[in-house]
Amino acid sequence: MEAVIAVVALLFVLFVVLGAYATVKVIGAAKRGVDRTIDQARRTVEDHTLRAKSFAQFGPAGEIAQLRLKLRTSMRATQDVLHAGVTEDESLKESLALFHRLSAHGHELDSELKRLESEPDRAALAARLPSLRERTERVAGSADSLRWAARDRARRFADDDLDSLSAQIDVESGALRHWTTSDSSTQTPPPPWPEAPAADSAAEGQTWPETPGARAAQEPTRPAITPPGPRPAYPWQKKPRPESTT
């Protein structure tokens, strides 16, 4: 009885632990989903704000907004391409590691540009714009290079797969149309001629057309004129006189 109670208690504790673990996992997944949604909404709002500033403001402030928008757009597009491609191509892991290092420089530059948006000294801001523009071009250019290289690689793999698939389809199409060549080339051969009879049975089984000469040689010879038979004797005829022997 005590063993049964111990087993039941152990099962109860196990169910409680599993329930708590599942609850924590569900809450964590929900929290990550909410955070992801909030971050995406924040990025969307910030991108629209930067786009509006780049068109509405003039001078150094407007150019700062343009630089931030260009940097963020390039980095985000490259990140999406690499994350989507690394699941199918393991060789993109090295490219993704390089992008992570580049992202550190990109985040640092974006933070600096964001701080300079509220800079009241427009002259100092205008003096720093060439270096900021150069850094933005270098970071965005490196991100674009990684992105296009990954896309070219994926397209090359797709072209190779399409070429292989086309070749297999051509072979299968030729096999399906095999009757067009087999009907003309693989016809049923005519039956063979019978073998010649053996020498022993040649005279028995084989007949040849008879010729007039052969037929005449087989038939017995008959005299050309039938000899006369003895004449009948009649009572009114005289008896022939016997010839004298002297």
C-alpha atoms as a PDB file:
ATOM      1  CA  MET A   1       0.000   0.000   0.000  1.00  0.00           C
ATOM      2  CA  GLU A   2       2.823   2.386   0.852  1.00  0.00           C
ATOM      3  CA  ALA A   3       4.487   1.592  -2.503  1.00  0.00           C
ATOM      4  CA  VAL A   4       1.287   2.470  -4.390  1.00  0.00           C
ATOM      5  CA  ILE A   5       1.016   5.785  -2.530  1.00  0.00           C
ATOM      6  CA  ALA A   6       4.674   6.558  -3.331  1.00  0.00           C
ATOM      7  CA  VAL A   7       4.159   5.817  -7.031  1.00  0.00           C
ATOM      8  CA  VAL A   8       1.032   7.997  -7.168  1.00  0.00           C
ATOM      9  CA  ALA A   9       2.850  10.840  -5.411  1.00  0.00           C
ATOM     10  CA  LEU A  10       5.783  10.524  -7.791  1.00  0.00           C
ATOM     11  CA  LEU A  11       3.479  10.640 -10.822  1.00  0.00           C
ATOM     12  CA  PHE A  12       1.706  13.691  -9.405  1.00  0.00           C
ATOM     13  CA  VAL A  13       4.999  15.532  -8.901  1.00  0.00           C
ATOM     14  CA  LEU A  14       6.101  14.539 -12.423  1.00  0.00           C
ATOM     15  CA  PHE A  15       2.877  15.881 -13.937  1.00  0.00           C
ATOM     16  CA  VAL A  16       3.237  19.127 -12.003  1.00  0.00           C
ATOM     17  CA  VAL A  17       6.828  19.591 -13.196  1.00  0.00           C
ATOM     18  CA  LEU A  18       5.890  18.841 -16.803  1.00  0.00           C
ATOM     19  CA  GLY A  19       2.950  21.237 -16.601  1.00  0.00           C
ATOM     20  CA  ALA A  20       5.133  23.992 -15.190  1.00  0.00           C
ATOM     21  CA  TYR A  21       7.779  23.418 -17.902  1.00  0.00           C
ATOM     22  CA  ALA A  22       5.163  23.510 -20.661  1.00  0.00           C
ATOM     23  CA  THR A  23       3.662  26.682 -19.194  1.00  0.00           C
ATOM     24  CA  VAL A  24       7.066  28.379 -19.092  1.00  0.00           C
ATOM     25  CA  LYS A  25       7.784  27.363 -22.695  1.00  0.00           C
ATOM     26  CA  VAL A  26       4.426  28.652 -23.891  1.00  0.00           C
ATOM     27  CA  ILE A  27       4.839  31.923 -22.021  1.00  0.00           C
ATOM     28  CA  GLY A  28       8.370  32.331 -23.412  1.00  0.00           C
ATOM     29  CA  ALA A  29       7.217  31.669 -26.972  1.00  0.00           C
ATOM     30  CA  ALA A  30       4.344  34.112 -26.570  1.00  0.00           C
ATOM     31  CA  LYS A  31       6.693  36.724 -25.117  1.00  0.00           C
ATOM     32  CA  ARG A  32       9.134  36.279 -27.998  1.00  0.00           C
ATOM     33  CA  GLY A  33       6.293  36.572 -30.467  1.00  0.00           C
ATOM     34  CA  VAL A  34       5.053  39.765 -28.825  1.00  0.00           C
ATOM     35  CA  ASP A  35       8.579  41.212 -28.712  1.00  0.00           C
ATOM     36  CA  ARG A  36       9.101  40.344 -32.353  1.00  0.00           C
ATOM     37  CA  THR A  37       5.843  42.011 -33.284  1.00  0.00           C
ATOM     38  CA  ILE A  38       6.685  45.124 -31.255  1.00  0.00           C
ATOM     39  CA  ASP A  39      10.164  45.339 -32.790  1.00  0.00           C
ATOM     40  CA  GLN A  40       8.766  44.972 -36.266  1.00  0.00           C
ATOM     41  CA  ALA A  41       6.152  47.641 -35.612  1.00  0.00           C
ATOM     42  CA  ARG A  42       8.819  49.936 -34.149  1.00  0.00           C
ATOM     43  CA  ARG A  43      11.067  49.452 -37.166  1.00  0.00           C
ATOM     44  CA  THR A  44       8.188  50.119 -39.533  1.00  0.00           C
ATOM     45  CA  VAL A  45       7.264  53.335 -37.754  1.00  0.00           C
ATOM     46  CA  GLU A  46      10.882  54.460 -37.624  1.00  0.00           C
ATOM     47  CA  ASP A  47      11.404  53.737 -41.330  1.00  0.00           C
ATOM     48  CA  HIS A  48       8.322  55.742 -42.251  1.00  0.00           C
ATOM     49  CA  THR A  49       9.521  58.580 -40.026  1.00  0.00           C
ATOM     50  CA  LEU A  50      12.951  58.583 -41.655  1.00  0.00           C
ATOM     51  CA  ARG A  51      11.400  58.534 -45.116  1.00  0.00           C
ATOM     52  CA  ALA A  52       9.207  61.489 -44.189  1.00  0.00           C
ATOM     53  CA  LYS A  53      12.202  63.414 -42.778  1.00  0.00           C
ATOM     54  CA  SER A  54      14.293  62.732 -45.877  1.00  0.00           C
ATOM     55  CA  PHE A  55      11.616  64.387 -48.012  1.00  0.00           C
ATOM     56  CA  ALA A  56      10.485  67.127 -45.613  1.00  0.00           C
ATOM     57  CA  GLN A  57      13.795  68.329 -44.192  1.00  0.00           C
ATOM     58  CA  PHE A  58      16.588  69.994 -46.109  1.00  0.00           C
ATOM     59  CA  GLY A  59      20.263  70.376 -45.440  1.00  0.00           C
ATOM     60  CA  PRO A  60      22.305  68.149 -43.127  1.00  0.00           C
ATOM     61  CA  ALA A  61      19.285  66.888 -41.150  1.00  0.00           C
ATOM     62  CA  GLY A  62      17.561  65.600 -44.286  1.00  0.00           C
ATOM     63  CA  GLU A  63      20.763  63.927 -45.510  1.00  0.00           C
ATOM     64  CA  ILE A  64      21.247  62.246 -42.119  1.00  0.00           C
ATOM     65  CA  ALA A  65      17.762  60.758 -42.427  1.00  0.00           C
ATOM     66  CA  GLN A  66      18.552  59.542 -45.942  1.00  0.00           C
ATOM     67  CA  LEU A  67      21.775  57.897 -44.745  1.00  0.00           C
ATOM     68  CA  ARG A  68      19.968  56.100 -41.915  1.00  0.00           C
ATOM     69  CA  LEU A  69      17.214  54.915 -44.221  1.00  0.00           C
ATOM     70  CA  LYS A  70      19.688  53.593 -46.784  1.00  0.00           C
ATOM     71  CA  LEU A  71      21.749  51.822 -44.128  1.00  0.00           C
ATOM     72  CA  ARG A  72      18.775  50.181 -42.439  1.00  0.00           C
ATOM     73  CA  THR A  73      17.188  49.077 -45.710  1.00  0.00           C
ATOM     74  CA  SER A  74      20.387  47.488 -46.999  1.00  0.00           C
ATOM     75  CA  MET A  75      21.212  45.695 -43.742  1.00  0.00           C
ATOM     76  CA  ARG A  76      17.686  44.372 -43.272  1.00  0.00           C
ATOM     77  CA  ALA A  77      17.455  43.049 -46.864  1.00  0.00           C
ATOM     78  CA  THR A  78      20.813  41.267 -46.560  1.00  0.00           C
ATOM     79  CA  GLN A  79      19.826  39.754 -43.223  1.00  0.00           C
ATOM     80  CA  ASP A  80      16.607  38.349 -44.656  1.00  0.00           C
ATOM     81  CA  VAL A  81      18.357  36.830 -47.686  1.00  0.00           C
ATOM     82  CA  LEU A  82      21.112  35.182 -45.641  1.00  0.00           C
ATOM     83  CA  HIS A  83      18.773  33.800 -42.986  1.00  0.00           C
ATOM     84  CA  ALA A  84      16.491  32.374 -45.661  1.00  0.00           C
ATOM     85  CA  GLY A  85      19.350  30.864 -47.671  1.00  0.00           C
ATOM     86  CA  VAL A  86      21.360  29.322 -44.833  1.00  0.00           C
ATOM     87  CA  THR A  87      18.598  26.765 -44.198  1.00  0.00           C
ATOM     88  CA  GLU A  88      19.135  25.330 -47.702  1.00  0.00           C
ATOM     89  CA  ASP A  89      22.832  26.068 -48.280  1.00  0.00           C
ATOM     90  CA  GLU A  90      25.224  25.295 -45.427  1.00  0.00           C
ATOM     91  CA  SER A  91      28.044  27.231 -47.102  1.00  0.00           C
ATOM     92  CA  LEU A  92      26.240  30.492 -46.304  1.00  0.00           C
ATOM     93  CA  LYS A  93      27.065  30.094 -42.608  1.00  0.00           C
ATOM     94  CA  GLU A  94      30.425  31.782 -43.136  1.00  0.00           C
ATOM     95  CA  SER A  95      28.712  34.614 -45.008  1.00  0.00           C
ATOM     96  CA  LEU A  96      26.231  34.944 -42.167  1.00  0.00           C
ATOM     97  CA  ALA A  97      29.082  35.147 -39.640  1.00  0.00           C
ATOM     98  CA  LEU A  98      30.685  37.937 -41.682  1.00  0.00           C
ATOM     99  CA  PHE A  99      27.364  39.736 -41.801  1.00  0.00           C
ATOM    100  CA  HIS A 100      27.066  39.551 -38.020  1.00  0.00           C
ATOM    101  CA  ARG A 101      30.440  41.292 -37.746  1.00  0.00           C
ATOM    102  CA  LEU A 102      29.300  43.871 -40.286  1.00  0.00           C
ATOM    103  CA  SER A 103      26.064  44.371 -38.368  1.00  0.00           C
ATOM    104  CA  ALA A 104      28.048  45.511 -35.323  1.00  0.00           C
ATOM    105  CA  HIS A 105      29.534  48.330 -37.392  1.00  0.00           C
ATOM    106  CA  GLY A 106      26.122  49.042 -38.908  1.00  0.00           C
ATOM    107  CA  HIS A 107      24.406  49.345 -35.529  1.00  0.00           C
ATOM    108  CA  GLU A 108      27.181  51.597 -34.260  1.00  0.00           C
ATOM    109  CA  LEU A 109      26.870  53.845 -37.308  1.00  0.00           C
ATOM    110  CA  ASP A 110      23.073  53.931 -37.067  1.00  0.00           C
ATOM    111  CA  SER A 111      23.258  54.926 -33.404  1.00  0.00           C
ATOM    112  CA  GLU A 112      25.687  57.725 -34.246  1.00  0.00           C
ATOM    113  CA  LEU A 113      23.467  58.983 -37.049  1.00  0.00           C
ATOM    114  CA  LYS A 114      20.441  58.883 -34.760  1.00  0.00           C
ATOM    115  CA  ARG A 115      22.231  61.014 -32.176  1.00  0.00           C
ATOM    116  CA  LEU A 116      23.248  63.530 -34.856  1.00  0.00           C
ATOM    117  CA  GLU A 117      19.631  64.016 -35.923  1.00  0.00           C
ATOM    118  CA  SER A 118      19.071  66.248 -32.914  1.00  0.00           C
ATOM    119  CA  GLU A 119      22.402  68.065 -33.215  1.00  0.00           C
ATOM    120  CA  PRO A 120      21.727  71.832 -33.050  1.00  0.00           C
ATOM    121  CA  ASP A 121      25.093  72.852 -34.518  1.00  0.00           C
ATOM    122  CA  ARG A 122      24.394  72.581 -38.225  1.00  0.00           C
ATOM    123  CA  ALA A 123      27.881  73.722 -39.204  1.00  0.00           C
ATOM    124  CA  ALA A 124      29.578  70.954 -37.230  1.00  0.00           C
ATOM    125  CA  LEU A 125      27.067  68.468 -38.617  1.00  0.00           C
ATOM    126  CA  ALA A 126      27.811  69.592 -42.177  1.00  0.00           C
ATOM    127  CA  ALA A 127      31.554  69.154 -41.499  1.00  0.00           C
ATOM    128  CA  ARG A 128      31.045  65.554 -40.404  1.00  0.00           C
ATOM    129  CA  LEU A 129      28.725  64.580 -43.218  1.00  0.00           C
ATOM    130  CA  PRO A 130      31.463  63.482 -45.719  1.00  0.00           C
ATOM    131  CA  SER A 131      32.943  60.945 -43.293  1.00  0.00           C
ATOM    132  CA  LEU A 132      29.480  59.720 -42.286  1.00  0.00           C
ATOM    133  CA  ARG A 133      28.521  59.381 -45.927  1.00  0.00           C
ATOM    134  CA  GLU A 134      31.678  57.376 -46.662  1.00  0.00           C
ATOM    135  CA  ARG A 135      31.125  55.020 -43.724  1.00  0.00           C
ATOM    136  CA  THR A 136      27.512  54.493 -44.728  1.00  0.00           C
ATOM    137  CA  GLU A 137      28.521  53.702 -48.299  1.00  0.00           C
ATOM    138  CA  ARG A 138      31.131  51.185 -47.131  1.00  0.00           C
ATOM    139  CA  VAL A 139      28.807  49.358 -44.740  1.00  0.00           C
ATOM    140  CA  ALA A 140      25.834  49.367 -47.126  1.00  0.00           C
ATOM    141  CA  GLY A 141      28.068  48.381 -50.055  1.00  0.00           C
ATOM    142  CA  SER A 142      29.474  45.398 -48.147  1.00  0.00           C
ATOM    143  CA  ALA A 143      25.960  44.306 -47.190  1.00  0.00           C
ATOM    144  CA  ASP A 144      24.792  44.641 -50.794  1.00  0.00           C
ATOM    145  CA  SER A 145      27.761  42.578 -51.982  1.00  0.00           C
ATOM    146  CA  LEU A 146      26.922  39.745 -49.595  1.00  0.00           C
ATOM    147  CA  ARG A 147      23.257  39.880 -50.529  1.00  0.00           C
ATOM    148  CA  TRP A 148      23.821  39.754 -54.290  1.00  0.00           C
ATOM    149  CA  ALA A 149      26.452  37.024 -53.955  1.00  0.00           C
ATOM    150  CA  ALA A 150      23.968  34.878 -52.008  1.00  0.00           C
ATOM    151  CA  ARG A 151      21.266  35.534 -54.597  1.00  0.00           C
ATOM    152  CA  ASP A 152      23.590  34.689 -57.490  1.00  0.00           C
ATOM    153  CA  ARG A 153      24.574  31.460 -55.769  1.00  0.00           C
ATOM    154  CA  ALA A 154      20.953  30.481 -55.222  1.00  0.00           C
ATOM    155  CA  ARG A 155      20.107  31.320 -58.834  1.00  0.00           C
ATOM    156  CA  ARG A 156      23.070  29.276 -60.056  1.00  0.00           C
ATOM    157  CA  PHE A 157      21.908  26.267 -58.080  1.00  0.00           C
ATOM    158  CA  ALA A 158      18.406  26.748 -59.445  1.00  0.00           C
ATOM    159  CA  ASP A 159      19.744  26.929 -63.027  1.00  0.00           C
ATOM    160  CA  ASP A 160      21.811  23.770 -62.542  1.00  0.00           C
ATOM    161  CA  ASP A 161      18.825  21.945 -61.105  1.00  0.00           C
ATOM    162  CA  LEU A 162      16.654  23.169 -63.989  1.00  0.00           C
ATOM    163  CA  ASP A 163      19.227  21.984 -66.560  1.00  0.00           C
ATOM    164  CA  SER A 164      19.394  18.551 -64.933  1.00  0.00           C
ATOM    165  CA  LEU A 165      15.613  18.363 -64.767  1.00  0.00           C
ATOM    166  CA  SER A 166      15.288  19.362 -68.430  1.00  0.00           C
ATOM    167  CA  ALA A 167      17.784  16.683 -69.465  1.00  0.00           C
ATOM    168  CA  GLN A 168      15.873  14.029 -67.506  1.00  0.00           C
ATOM    169  CA  ILE A 169      12.593  15.171 -69.062  1.00  0.00           C
ATOM    170  CA  ASP A 170      14.117  14.961 -72.558  1.00  0.00           C
ATOM    171  CA  VAL A 171      15.286  11.400 -71.882  1.00  0.00           C
ATOM    172  CA  GLU A 172      11.872  10.425 -70.525  1.00  0.00           C
ATOM    173  CA  SER A 173      10.125  12.048 -73.500  1.00  0.00           C
ATOM    174  CA  GLY A 174      12.341  10.093 -75.881  1.00  0.00           C
ATOM    175  CA  ALA A 175      11.524   6.883 -74.022  1.00  0.00           C
ATOM    176  CA  LEU A 176       7.799   7.602 -74.209  1.00  0.00           C
ATOM    177  CA  ARG A 177       8.075   8.178 -77.991  1.00  0.00           C
ATOM    178  CA  HIS A 178      10.053   4.956 -78.527  1.00  0.00           C
ATOM    179  CA  TRP A 179       7.346   3.475 -80.727  1.00  0.00           C
ATOM    180  CA  THR A 180       8.221   5.875 -83.580  1.00  0.00           C
ATOM    181  CA  THR A 181      11.609   4.183 -84.043  1.00  0.00           C
ATOM    182  CA  SER A 182      10.809   0.679 -82.862  1.00  0.00           C
ATOM    183  CA  ASP A 183       8.041   0.185 -85.446  1.00  0.00           C
ATOM    184  CA  SER A 184      10.408   0.833 -88.347  1.00  0.00           C
ATOM    185  CA  SER A 185      13.574  -0.748 -87.030  1.00  0.00           C
ATOM    186  CA  THR A 186      12.393  -3.757 -85.012  1.00  0.00           C
ATOM    187  CA  GLN A 187      10.021  -5.521 -87.382  1.00  0.00           C
ATOM    188  CA  THR A 188       9.188  -9.223 -87.097  1.00  0.00           C
ATOM    189  CA  PRO A 189      11.788 -11.194 -89.126  1.00  0.00           C
ATOM    190  CA  PRO A 190      10.487 -13.577 -91.853  1.00  0.00           C
ATOM    191  CA  PRO A 191      10.432 -17.315 -91.071  1.00  0.00           C
ATOM    192  CA  PRO A 192      13.658 -19.203 -91.997  1.00  0.00           C
ATOM    193  CA  TRP A 193      13.881 -21.519 -94.963  1.00  0.00           C
ATOM    194  CA  PRO A 194      13.599 -25.245 -94.179  1.00  0.00           C
ATOM    195  CA  GLU A 195      16.846 -27.155 -93.966  1.00  0.00           C
ATOM    196  CA  ALA A 196      17.909 -29.410 -96.808  1.00  0.00           C
ATOM    197  CA  PRO A 197      16.918 -33.111 -96.319  1.00  0.00           C
ATOM    198  CA  ALA A 198      19.552 -35.635 -95.383  1.00  0.00           C
ATOM    199  CA  ALA A 199      21.302 -37.717 -98.056  1.00  0.00           C
ATOM    200  CA  ASP A 200      19.517 -40.959 -97.021  1.00  0.00           C
ATOM    201  CA  SER A 201      16.059 -39.530 -97.290  1.00  0.00           C
ATOM    202  CA  ALA A 202      16.713 -37.500-100.400  1.00  0.00           C
ATOM    203  CA  ALA A 203      15.545 -40.229-102.714  1.00  0.00           C
ATOM    204  CA  GLU A 204      12.535 -41.093-100.562  1.00  0.00           C
ATOM    205  CA  GLY A 205      11.027 -37.789 -99.693  1.00  0.00           C
ATOM    206  CA  GLN A 206      12.071 -35.563-102.532  1.00  0.00           C
ATOM    207  CA  THR A 207      10.274 -35.781-105.901  1.00  0.00           C
ATOM    208  CA  TRP A 208      11.352 -34.133-109.096  1.00  0.00           C
ATOM    209  CA  PRO A 209       9.261 -33.373-112.160  1.00  0.00           C
ATOM    210  CA  GLU A 210       9.328 -36.143-114.753  1.00  0.00           C
ATOM    211  CA  THR A 211      10.760 -35.499-118.180  1.00  0.00           C
ATOM    212  CA  PRO A 212       9.705 -37.288-121.382  1.00  0.00           C
ATOM    213  CA  GLY A 213      13.105 -38.991-121.676  1.00  0.00           C
ATOM    214  CA  ALA A 214      12.952 -40.394-118.186  1.00  0.00           C
ATOM    215  CA  ARG A 215       9.442 -41.696-118.696  1.00  0.00           C
ATOM    216  CA  ALA A 216      10.501 -43.439-121.932  1.00  0.00           C
ATOM    217  CA  ALA A 217      13.467 -45.042-120.197  1.00  0.00           C
ATOM    218  CA  GLN A 218      11.263 -46.483-117.455  1.00  0.00           C
ATOM    219  CA  GLU A 219       8.601 -47.988-119.816  1.00  0.00           C
ATOM    220  CA  PRO A 220       9.411 -51.352-121.651  1.00  0.00           C
ATOM    221  CA  THR A 221      10.233 -51.112-125.314  1.00  0.00           C
ATOM    222  CA  ARG A 222       7.424 -52.089-127.687  1.00  0.00           C
ATOM    223  CA  PRO A 223       7.850 -53.053-131.366  1.00  0.00           C
ATOM    224  CA  ALA A 224       6.931 -50.389-133.811  1.00  0.00           C
ATOM    225  CA  ILE A 225       4.618 -52.837-135.838  1.00  0.00           C
ATOM    226  CA  THR A 226       2.587 -55.650-134.266  1.00  0.00           C
ATOM    227  CA  PRO A 227       3.461 -59.006-136.019  1.00  0.00           C
ATOM    228  CA  PRO A 228       0.556 -60.742-137.716  1.00  0.00           C
ATOM    229  CA  GLY A 229      -1.013 -63.624-135.930  1.00  0.00           C
ATOM    230  CA  PRO A 230      -1.989 -66.956-137.577  1.00  0.00           C
ATOM    231  CA  ARG A 231      -4.695 -66.650-140.147  1.00  0.00           C
ATOM    232  CA  PRO A 232      -7.928 -68.640-139.551  1.00  0.00           C
ATOM    233  CA  ALA A 233      -8.485 -71.701-141.793  1.00  0.00           C
ATOM    234  CA  TYR A 234     -11.753 -72.029-143.660  1.00  0.00           C
ATOM    235  CA  PRO A 235     -13.193 -75.338-145.153  1.00  0.00           C
ATOM    236  CA  TRP A 236     -13.346 -74.102-148.703  1.00  0.00           C
ATOM    237  CA  GLN A 237      -9.691 -73.280-148.792  1.00  0.00           C
ATOM    238  CA  LYS A 238      -7.254 -75.812-150.179  1.00  0.00           C
ATOM    239  CA  LYS A 239      -4.738 -77.352-147.917  1.00  0.00           C
ATOM    240  CA  PRO A 240      -1.314 -76.124-148.583  1.00  0.00           C
ATOM    241  CA  ARG A 241       0.891 -78.540-150.422  1.00  0.00           C
ATOM    242  CA  PRO A 242       3.934 -79.608-148.491  1.00  0.00           C
ATOM    243  CA  GLU A 243       7.159 -78.529-150.083  1.00  0.00           C
ATOM    244  CA  SER A 244       9.360 -81.240-151.536  1.00  0.00           C
ATOM    245  CA  THR A 245      12.496 -81.866-149.761  1.00  0.00           C
ATOM    246  CA  THR A 246      14.191 -83.030-152.995  1.00  0.00           C
END
